[in-house]
C-alpha atoms as a PDB file:
ATOM      1  CA  UNK A   1     -43.799   8.464  19.877  1.00  0.00           C
ATOM      2  CA  UNK A   2     -44.307  10.246  23.173  1.00  0.00           C
ATOM      3  CA  UNK A   3     -42.030  12.403  24.530  1.00  0.00           C
ATOM      4  CA  UNK A   4     -40.683  10.296  27.084  1.00  0.00           C
ATOM      5  CA  UNK A   5     -39.998   7.584  24.758  1.00  0.00           C
ATOM      6  CA  UNK A   6     -38.205  10.869  22.263  1.00  0.00           C
ATOM      7  CA  UNK A   7     -35.829  11.487  25.061  1.00  0.00           C
ATOM      8  CA  UNK A   8     -35.045   7.740  26.380  1.00  0.00           C
ATOM      9  CA  UNK A   9     -34.001   7.036  22.699  1.00  0.00           C
ATOM     10  CA  UNK A  10     -31.983  10.631  22.800  1.00  0.00           C
ATOM     11  CA  UNK A  11     -30.375   9.418  25.815  1.00  0.00           C
ATOM     12  CA  UNK A  12     -29.445   5.401  24.495  1.00  0.00           C
ATOM     13  CA  UNK A  13     -28.074   7.201  21.073  1.00  0.00           C
ATOM     14  CA  UNK A  14     -25.712   9.260  23.393  1.00  0.00           C
ATOM     15  CA  UNK A  15     -24.534   6.527  25.909  1.00  0.00           C
ATOM     16  CA  UNK A  16     -24.130   4.287  22.620  1.00  0.00           C
ATOM     17  CA  UNK A  17     -22.015   7.317  20.935  1.00  0.00           C
ATOM     18  CA  UNK A  18     -20.145   7.769  23.708  1.00  0.00           C
ATOM     19  CA  UNK A  19     -19.345   3.936  24.359  1.00  0.00           C
ATOM     20  CA  UNK A  20     -18.361   3.826  20.737  1.00  0.00           C
ATOM     21  CA  UNK A  21     -15.421   6.857  21.353  1.00  0.00           C
ATOM     22  CA  UNK A  22     -14.598   5.495  24.545  1.00  0.00           C
ATOM     23  CA  UNK A  23     -13.601   2.419  22.745  1.00  0.00           C
ATOM     24  CA  UNK A  24     -12.034   4.119  19.789  1.00  0.00           C
ATOM     25  CA  UNK A  25     -10.102   6.309  22.204  1.00  0.00           C
ATOM     26  CA  UNK A  26      -9.128   3.069  23.894  1.00  0.00           C
ATOM     27  CA  UNK A  27      -8.384   0.814  21.043  1.00  0.00           C
ATOM     28  CA  UNK A  28      -5.884   4.078  19.655  1.00  0.00           C
ATOM     29  CA  UNK A  29      -4.023   3.934  23.143  1.00  0.00           C
ATOM     30  CA  UNK A  30      -3.415   0.652  22.897  1.00  0.00           C
ATOM     31  CA  UNK A  31      -2.042   0.130  19.247  1.00  0.00           C
ATOM     32  CA  UNK A  32       0.107   3.250  20.543  1.00  0.00           C
ATOM     33  CA  UNK A  33      -1.543   6.878  19.963  1.00  0.00           C
ATOM     34  CA  UNK A  34      -2.532   9.050  17.966  1.00  0.00           C
ATOM     35  CA  UNK A  35       0.871  10.110  17.382  1.00  0.00           C
ATOM     36  CA  UNK A  36       2.629   6.084  16.392  1.00  0.00           C
ATOM     37  CA  UNK A  37      -0.989   5.914  13.960  1.00  0.00           C
ATOM     38  CA  UNK A  38      -0.090   8.903  11.866  1.00  0.00           C
ATOM     39  CA  UNK A  39       3.995   7.662  11.991  1.00  0.00           C
ATOM     40  CA  UNK A  40       2.286   4.439  10.291  1.00  0.00           C
ATOM     41  CA  UNK A  41      -0.290   6.037   7.981  1.00  0.00           C
ATOM     42  CA  UNK A  42       2.549   8.896   6.819  1.00  0.00           C
ATOM     43  CA  UNK A  43       5.209   5.983   6.460  1.00  0.00           C
ATOM     44  CA  UNK A  44       2.498   2.850   4.907  1.00  0.00           C
ATOM     45  CA  UNK A  45       2.688   1.292   8.081  1.00  0.00           C
ATOM     46  CA  UNK A  46       5.797   0.352   8.175  1.00  0.00           C
ATOM     47  CA  UNK A  47       7.161   0.642  12.120  1.00  0.00           C
ATOM     48  CA  UNK A  48       9.374   0.211  14.376  1.00  0.00           C
ATOM     49  CA  UNK A  49      10.398  -3.302  13.328  1.00  0.00           C
ATOM     50  CA  UNK A  50      11.253  -2.086  10.005  1.00  0.00           C
ATOM     51  CA  UNK A  51      13.541   0.248  10.673  1.00  0.00           C
ATOM     52  CA  UNK A  52      15.840  -2.036  13.122  1.00  0.00           C
ATOM     53  CA  UNK A  53      15.849  -5.014  11.083  1.00  0.00           C
ATOM     54  CA  UNK A  54      17.399  -2.367   7.877  1.00  0.00           C
ATOM     55  CA  UNK A  55      19.946  -1.654   9.718  1.00  0.00           C
ATOM     56  CA  UNK A  56      20.982  -5.251  11.023  1.00  0.00           C
ATOM     57  CA  UNK A  57      20.853  -6.144   6.998  1.00  0.00           C
ATOM     58  CA  UNK A  58      22.866  -3.423   5.760  1.00  0.00           C
ATOM     59  CA  UNK A  59      25.575  -4.569   8.953  1.00  0.00           C
ATOM     60  CA  UNK A  60      25.433  -7.670   7.817  1.00  0.00           C
ATOM     61  CA  UNK A  61      29.100  -8.829   5.346  1.00  0.00           C
ATOM     62  CA  UNK A  62      29.025  -9.450   2.340  1.00  0.00           C
ATOM     63  CA  UNK A  63      29.065 -12.870   0.839  1.00  0.00           C
ATOM     64  CA  UNK A  64      28.378 -14.082  -2.089  1.00  0.00           C
ATOM     65  CA  UNK A  65      25.204 -15.314  -2.663  1.00  0.00           C
ATOM     66  CA  UNK A  66      23.315 -18.260  -4.891  1.00  0.00           C
ATOM     67  CA  UNK A  67      19.742 -16.785  -4.100  1.00  0.00           C
ATOM     68  CA  UNK A  68      17.854 -13.912  -2.260  1.00  0.00           C
ATOM     69  CA  UNK A  69      14.862 -13.697  -1.262  1.00  0.00           C
ATOM     70  CA  UNK A  70      13.226 -10.389  -1.221  1.00  0.00           C
ATOM     71  CA  UNK A  71      10.139  -8.945  -0.308  1.00  0.00           C
ATOM     72  CA  UNK A  72       7.729  -8.343   2.770  1.00  0.00           C
ATOM     73  CA  UNK A  73       6.655 -10.089   5.672  1.00  0.00           C
ATOM     74  CA  UNK A  74       5.714 -13.059   3.802  1.00  0.00           C
ATOM     75  CA  UNK A  75       9.494 -13.689   2.628  1.00  0.00           C
ATOM     76  CA  UNK A  76      10.078 -12.498   5.927  1.00  0.00           C
ATOM     77  CA  UNK A  77       8.812 -15.543   7.644  1.00  0.00           C
ATOM     78  CA  UNK A  78      10.236 -18.112   5.842  1.00  0.00           C
ATOM     79  CA  UNK A  79      13.407 -20.260   6.852  1.00  0.00           C
ATOM     80  CA  UNK A  80      15.119 -20.128   3.353  1.00  0.00           C
ATOM     81  CA  UNK A  81      18.432 -21.447   4.120  1.00  0.00           C
ATOM     82  CA  UNK A  82      16.502 -25.281   5.599  1.00  0.00           C
ATOM     83  CA  UNK A  83      14.326 -25.026   2.731  1.00  0.00           C
ATOM     84  CA  UNK A  84      17.323 -25.180   0.459  1.00  0.00           C
ATOM     85  CA  UNK A  85      20.273 -26.437   1.817  1.00  0.00           C
ATOM     86  CA  UNK A  86      22.207 -26.954  -1.136  1.00  0.00           C
ATOM     87  CA  UNK A  87      22.211 -23.247  -2.255  1.00  0.00           C
ATOM     88  CA  UNK A  88      23.565 -20.053   0.233  1.00  0.00           C
ATOM     89  CA  UNK A  89      20.098 -17.925   0.200  1.00  0.00           C
ATOM     90  CA  UNK A  90      20.264 -14.766   1.884  1.00  0.00           C
ATOM     91  CA  UNK A  91      16.446 -13.670   2.902  1.00  0.00           C
ATOM     92  CA  UNK A  92      16.817  -9.775   2.585  1.00  0.00           C
ATOM     93  CA  UNK A  93      12.423 -10.104   3.246  1.00  0.00           C
ATOM     94  CA  UNK A  94      11.246  -7.479   6.214  1.00  0.00           C
ATOM     95  CA  UNK A  95       7.543  -6.822   7.534  1.00  0.00           C
ATOM     96  CA  UNK A  96       5.623  -4.452   5.745  1.00  0.00           C
ATOM     97  CA  UNK A  97       7.487  -3.408   2.566  1.00  0.00           C
ATOM     98  CA  UNK A  98       6.489  -1.576  -0.132  1.00  0.00           C
ATOM     99  CA  UNK A  99       7.460  -1.850  -3.634  1.00  0.00           C
ATOM    100  CA  UNK A 100       8.963   1.759  -3.009  1.00  0.00           C
ATOM    101  CA  UNK A 101      10.255   0.174  -0.019  1.00  0.00           C
ATOM    102  CA  UNK A 102      12.546  -2.236  -2.121  1.00  0.00           C
ATOM    103  CA  UNK A 103      13.854   0.057  -4.264  1.00  0.00           C
ATOM    104  CA  UNK A 104      15.255   2.003  -0.898  1.00  0.00           C
ATOM    105  CA  UNK A 105      17.293  -0.972  -0.565  1.00  0.00           C
ATOM    106  CA  UNK A 106      18.332  -2.126  -3.408  1.00  0.00           C
ATOM    107  CA  UNK A 107      21.766  -2.297  -2.509  1.00  0.00           C
ATOM    108  CA  UNK A 108      21.534  -4.979   0.155  1.00  0.00           C
ATOM    109  CA  UNK A 109      20.024  -7.041  -2.697  1.00  0.00           C
ATOM    110  CA  UNK A 110      22.964  -6.199  -5.115  1.00  0.00           C
ATOM    111  CA  UNK A 111      26.181  -6.317  -2.840  1.00  0.00           C
ATOM    112  CA  UNK A 112      25.454  -9.992  -2.601  1.00  0.00           C
ATOM    113  CA  UNK A 113      25.752 -10.029  -6.536  1.00  0.00           C
ATOM    114  CA  UNK A 114      23.446 -13.163  -6.233  1.00  0.00           C
ATOM    115  CA  UNK A 115      22.008 -15.627  -9.464  1.00  0.00           C
ATOM    116  CA  UNK A 116      18.813 -15.639  -8.406  1.00  0.00           C
ATOM    117  CA  UNK A 117      16.866 -13.010  -7.186  1.00  0.00           C
ATOM    118  CA  UNK A 118      13.486 -14.831  -6.215  1.00  0.00           C
ATOM    119  CA  UNK A 119      10.653 -11.304  -5.681  1.00  0.00           C
ATOM    120  CA  UNK A 120       7.315 -11.067  -4.249  1.00  0.00           C
ATOM    121  CA  UNK A 121       6.380  -7.281  -3.532  1.00  0.00           C
ATOM    122  CA  UNK A 122       3.355  -5.468  -3.708  1.00  0.00           C
ATOM    123  CA  UNK A 123       0.498  -6.148  -1.250  1.00  0.00           C
ATOM    124  CA  UNK A 124       0.802  -4.060   0.205  1.00  0.00           C
ATOM    125  CA  UNK A 125       0.957  -1.220  -1.785  1.00  0.00           C
ATOM    126  CA  UNK A 126      -2.752  -1.872  -2.318  1.00  0.00           C
ATOM    127  CA  UNK A 127      -3.643  -0.419   1.313  1.00  0.00           C
ATOM    128  CA  UNK A 128      -2.010   3.014  -0.076  1.00  0.00           C
ATOM    129  CA  UNK A 129      -2.843   2.960  -3.828  1.00  0.00           C
ATOM    130  CA  UNK A 130      -4.452   1.410  -7.032  1.00  0.00           C
ATOM    131  CA  UNK A 131      -3.106  -1.786  -9.063  1.00  0.00           C
ATOM    132  CA  UNK A 132      -2.176   0.647 -11.901  1.00  0.00           C
ATOM    133  CA  UNK A 133       0.306   2.697  -9.693  1.00  0.00           C
ATOM    134  CA  UNK A 134       2.161  -0.351  -8.052  1.00  0.00           C
ATOM    135  CA  UNK A 135       2.445  -1.480 -11.421  1.00  0.00           C
ATOM    136  CA  UNK A 136       4.004   1.589 -12.173  1.00  0.00           C
ATOM    137  CA  UNK A 137       6.016   1.427  -9.243  1.00  0.00           C
ATOM    138  CA  UNK A 138       6.868  -2.571 -10.090  1.00  0.00           C
ATOM    139  CA  UNK A 139       8.436  -1.621 -13.317  1.00  0.00           C
ATOM    140  CA  UNK A 140      10.823   1.272 -12.113  1.00  0.00           C
ATOM    141  CA  UNK A 141      11.966  -1.192  -9.368  1.00  0.00           C
ATOM    142  CA  UNK A 142      12.196  -3.950 -12.290  1.00  0.00           C
ATOM    143  CA  UNK A 143      14.858  -1.381 -14.866  1.00  0.00           C
ATOM    144  CA  UNK A 144      16.960  -0.358 -11.937  1.00  0.00           C
ATOM    145  CA  UNK A 145      17.022  -4.205 -10.525  1.00  0.00           C
ATOM    146  CA  UNK A 146      17.329  -4.855 -14.604  1.00  0.00           C
ATOM    147  CA  UNK A 147      20.733  -2.601 -14.497  1.00  0.00           C
ATOM    148  CA  UNK A 148      22.074  -3.595 -11.066  1.00  0.00           C
ATOM    149  CA  UNK A 149      22.190  -6.841 -11.493  1.00  0.00           C
ATOM    150  CA  UNK A 150      22.750  -7.316 -14.978  1.00  0.00           C
ATOM    151  CA  UNK A 151      24.368 -11.236 -14.659  1.00  0.00           C
ATOM    152  CA  UNK A 152      21.977 -12.487 -12.273  1.00  0.00           C
ATOM    153  CA  UNK A 153      18.162 -14.388 -12.639  1.00  0.00           C
ATOM    154  CA  UNK A 154      15.640 -12.452 -11.813  1.00  0.00           C
ATOM    155  CA  UNK A 155      12.304 -14.185 -11.141  1.00  0.00           C
ATOM    156  CA  UNK A 156       8.951 -12.095 -10.587  1.00  0.00           C
ATOM    157  CA  UNK A 157       7.044 -14.405  -8.464  1.00  0.00           C
ATOM    158  CA  UNK A 158       3.198 -14.031  -8.318  1.00  0.00           C
ATOM    159  CA  UNK A 159       1.424 -11.689  -5.675  1.00  0.00           C
ATOM    160  CA  UNK A 160      -0.438 -14.401  -3.263  1.00  0.00           C
ATOM    161  CA  UNK A 161      -3.886 -14.286  -3.204  1.00  0.00           C
ATOM    162  CA  UNK A 162      -5.907 -13.276   0.334  1.00  0.00           C
ATOM    163  CA  UNK A 163      -8.764 -14.545   2.608  1.00  0.00           C
ATOM    164  CA  UNK A 164     -10.964 -11.665   3.890  1.00  0.00           C
ATOM    165  CA  UNK A 165     -13.462 -13.827   5.352  1.00  0.00           C
ATOM    166  CA  UNK A 166     -10.493 -15.340   7.807  1.00  0.00           C
ATOM    167  CA  UNK A 167      -9.923 -12.081   8.155  1.00  0.00           C
ATOM    168  CA  UNK A 168     -11.072  -8.443   6.732  1.00  0.00           C
ATOM    169  CA  UNK A 169      -7.346  -7.142   5.220  1.00  0.00           C
ATOM    170  CA  UNK A 170      -8.482  -3.596   3.380  1.00  0.00           C
ATOM    171  CA  UNK A 171      -7.382  -4.966   0.083  1.00  0.00           C
ATOM    172  CA  UNK A 172      -8.790  -6.973  -2.276  1.00  0.00           C
ATOM    173  CA  UNK A 173      -8.126 -10.044  -4.845  1.00  0.00           C
ATOM    174  CA  UNK A 174      -9.513  -8.109  -7.555  1.00  0.00           C
ATOM    175  CA  UNK A 175      -6.903  -5.691  -7.411  1.00  0.00           C
ATOM    176  CA  UNK A 176      -4.421  -8.286  -6.705  1.00  0.00           C
ATOM    177  CA  UNK A 177      -5.444 -10.255  -9.766  1.00  0.00           C
ATOM    178  CA  UNK A 178      -4.892  -6.954 -11.828  1.00  0.00           C
ATOM    179  CA  UNK A 179      -1.028  -6.416 -10.311  1.00  0.00           C
ATOM    180  CA  UNK A 180      -0.355 -10.355 -11.134  1.00  0.00           C
ATOM    181  CA  UNK A 181      -1.572  -9.997 -14.890  1.00  0.00           C
ATOM    182  CA  UNK A 182       0.415  -6.935 -14.776  1.00  0.00           C
ATOM    183  CA  UNK A 183       3.058  -8.938 -13.974  1.00  0.00           C
ATOM    184  CA  UNK A 184       3.010 -11.004 -16.335  1.00  0.00           C
ATOM    185  CA  UNK A 185       3.000  -8.550 -19.206  1.00  0.00           C
ATOM    186  CA  UNK A 186       6.302  -7.004 -17.149  1.00  0.00           C
ATOM    187  CA  UNK A 187       8.039 -10.365 -16.357  1.00  0.00           C
ATOM    188  CA  UNK A 188       7.854 -11.003 -20.478  1.00  0.00           C
ATOM    189  CA  UNK A 189       8.714  -6.943 -21.090  1.00  0.00           C
ATOM    190  CA  UNK A 190      12.392  -7.398 -19.244  1.00  0.00           C
ATOM    191  CA  UNK A 191      13.011 -11.001 -20.339  1.00  0.00           C
ATOM    192  CA  UNK A 192      12.781 -12.002 -17.025  1.00  0.00           C
ATOM    193  CA  UNK A 193      11.261 -15.361 -15.655  1.00  0.00           C
ATOM    194  CA  UNK A 194       7.656 -15.202 -13.817  1.00  0.00           C
ATOM    195  CA  UNK A 195       6.349 -17.785 -10.829  1.00  0.00           C
ATOM    196  CA  UNK A 196       2.992 -18.098 -10.499  1.00  0.00           C
ATOM    197  CA  UNK A 197       2.449 -19.032  -6.795  1.00  0.00           C
ATOM    198  CA  UNK A 198      -1.355 -17.523  -6.687  1.00  0.00           C
ATOM    199  CA  UNK A 199      -2.788 -19.995  -8.619  1.00  0.00           C
ATOM    200  CA  UNK A 200      -0.722 -22.603  -6.210  1.00  0.00           C
ATOM    201  CA  UNK A 201      -2.349 -21.630  -2.775  1.00  0.00           C
ATOM    202  CA  UNK A 202      -5.855 -20.123  -4.345  1.00  0.00           C
ATOM    203  CA  UNK A 203      -9.287 -22.028  -3.339  1.00  0.00           C
ATOM    204  CA  UNK A 204     -11.915 -22.495  -5.194  1.00  0.00           C
ATOM    205  CA  UNK A 205     -13.309 -18.600  -4.861  1.00  0.00           C
ATOM    206  CA  UNK A 206      -9.689 -17.522  -5.811  1.00  0.00           C
ATOM    207  CA  UNK A 207      -8.617 -16.236  -2.236  1.00  0.00           C
ATOM    208  CA  UNK A 208      -5.953 -17.809  -0.421  1.00  0.00           C
ATOM    209  CA  UNK A 209      -7.096 -21.538   1.247  1.00  0.00           C
ATOM    210  CA  UNK A 210      -8.357 -21.055   4.886  1.00  0.00           C
ATOM    211  CA  UNK A 211      -6.032 -24.221   5.426  1.00  0.00           C
ATOM    212  CA  UNK A 212      -2.924 -22.628   5.293  1.00  0.00           C
ATOM    213  CA  UNK A 213      -3.402 -19.084   6.988  1.00  0.00           C
ATOM    214  CA  UNK A 214      -4.515 -18.379  10.534  1.00  0.00           C
ATOM    215  CA  UNK A 215      -4.810 -14.134   9.572  1.00  0.00           C
ATOM    216  CA  UNK A 216      -5.896 -14.458   5.596  1.00  0.00           C
ATOM    217  CA  UNK A 217      -3.012 -13.177   4.239  1.00  0.00           C
ATOM    218  CA  UNK A 218       0.175 -14.866   5.743  1.00  0.00           C
ATOM    219  CA  UNK A 219       0.838 -18.422   5.520  1.00  0.00           C
ATOM    220  CA  UNK A 220       1.683 -21.793   7.654  1.00  0.00           C
ATOM    221  CA  UNK A 221       4.416 -24.793   6.406  1.00  0.00           C
ATOM    222  CA  UNK A 222       2.058 -25.867   4.260  1.00  0.00           C
ATOM    223  CA  UNK A 223       1.975 -23.659   2.295  1.00  0.00           C
ATOM    224  CA  UNK A 224       5.601 -22.133   2.445  1.00  0.00           C
ATOM    225  CA  UNK A 225       6.029 -25.925   1.406  1.00  0.00           C
ATOM    226  CA  UNK A 226       4.133 -25.763  -1.893  1.00  0.00           C
ATOM    227  CA  UNK A 227       6.457 -22.213  -2.272  1.00  0.00           C
ATOM    228  CA  UNK A 228       9.751 -23.868  -2.180  1.00  0.00           C
ATOM    229  CA  UNK A 229       8.360 -26.993  -4.534  1.00  0.00           C
ATOM    230  CA  UNK A 230       7.120 -24.095  -6.605  1.00  0.00           C
ATOM    231  CA  UNK A 231      10.617 -22.985  -6.822  1.00  0.00           C
ATOM    232  CA  UNK A 232      12.930 -25.985  -6.843  1.00  0.00           C
ATOM    233  CA  UNK A 233      10.921 -26.778 -10.186  1.00  0.00           C
ATOM    234  CA  UNK A 234      11.555 -23.454 -11.462  1.00  0.00           C
ATOM    235  CA  UNK A 235      15.594 -23.236 -11.159  1.00  0.00           C
ATOM    236  CA  UNK A 236      15.518 -26.727 -12.065  1.00  0.00           C
ATOM    237  CA  UNK A 237      13.612 -26.331 -15.787  1.00  0.00           C
ATOM    238  CA  UNK A 238      14.925 -22.270 -16.322  1.00  0.00           C
ATOM    239  CA  UNK A 239      18.042 -22.193 -18.646  1.00  0.00           C
ATOM    240  CA  UNK A 240      20.257 -20.628 -15.465  1.00  0.00           C
ATOM    241  CA  UNK A 241      19.921 -23.998 -13.925  1.00  0.00           C
ATOM    242  CA  UNK A 242      23.829 -25.818 -14.025  1.00  0.00           C
ATOM    243  CA  UNK A 243      23.585 -27.675 -10.697  1.00  0.00           C
ATOM    244  CA  UNK A 244      25.989 -25.542  -8.777  1.00  0.00           C
ATOM    245  CA  UNK A 245      25.667 -25.024  -5.224  1.00  0.00           C
ATOM    246  CA  UNK A 246      26.565 -23.419  -2.691  1.00  0.00           C
ATOM    247  CA  UNK A 247      28.070 -20.037  -4.296  1.00  0.00           C
ATOM    248  CA  UNK A 248      30.429 -21.838  -6.454  1.00  0.00           C
END
């Protein structure tokens, strides 16, 4: 290779690296700057919207609920009261939440003294932790919840699969499967119902069916309809179902 060609290769390499650096800095700025990204890292992805919604939930008047839906953005985005109009349903989902976050705001659920608690949490934890750690935290959550609500019927819902073909997410379905296997064991250990939603929404490869998602993790109305049908079937077949509604 001639000296002239080597020089051109170096120049092109430097320009490419400079361009990549510039795009990276521009992306960081668009995402809120280094300070904001560091804040999101320290708080495991929780941002201002989390704090804002939690503060609102803390201020809501206490009422007796039939059902509390408790979890992260998948729960938050469900229009549960309209899907289940015969029940008093309180949505206690917050975008970006994780297992420790639910433990920190358990008083929001306990105050409602619900007949049923439908719990889904853990997928956001997998961005930062291994499945075994997530399950150890989940067990602590269940211990506290069972102790705080001995008269409530707690239903542990499986994690939903993700689809990294639709959009890379940094979460593997293998890890999700490991957590779900652990949730089956934990549910049995504490005498709780386990609702397998994963099997209802996955494709033949075990991914979140592309028909149900535009971003690989959140779901559309068709998926929520399937979820609601599964909840109805669970309530109707559960030994705790007594036909009452609207906080009776």
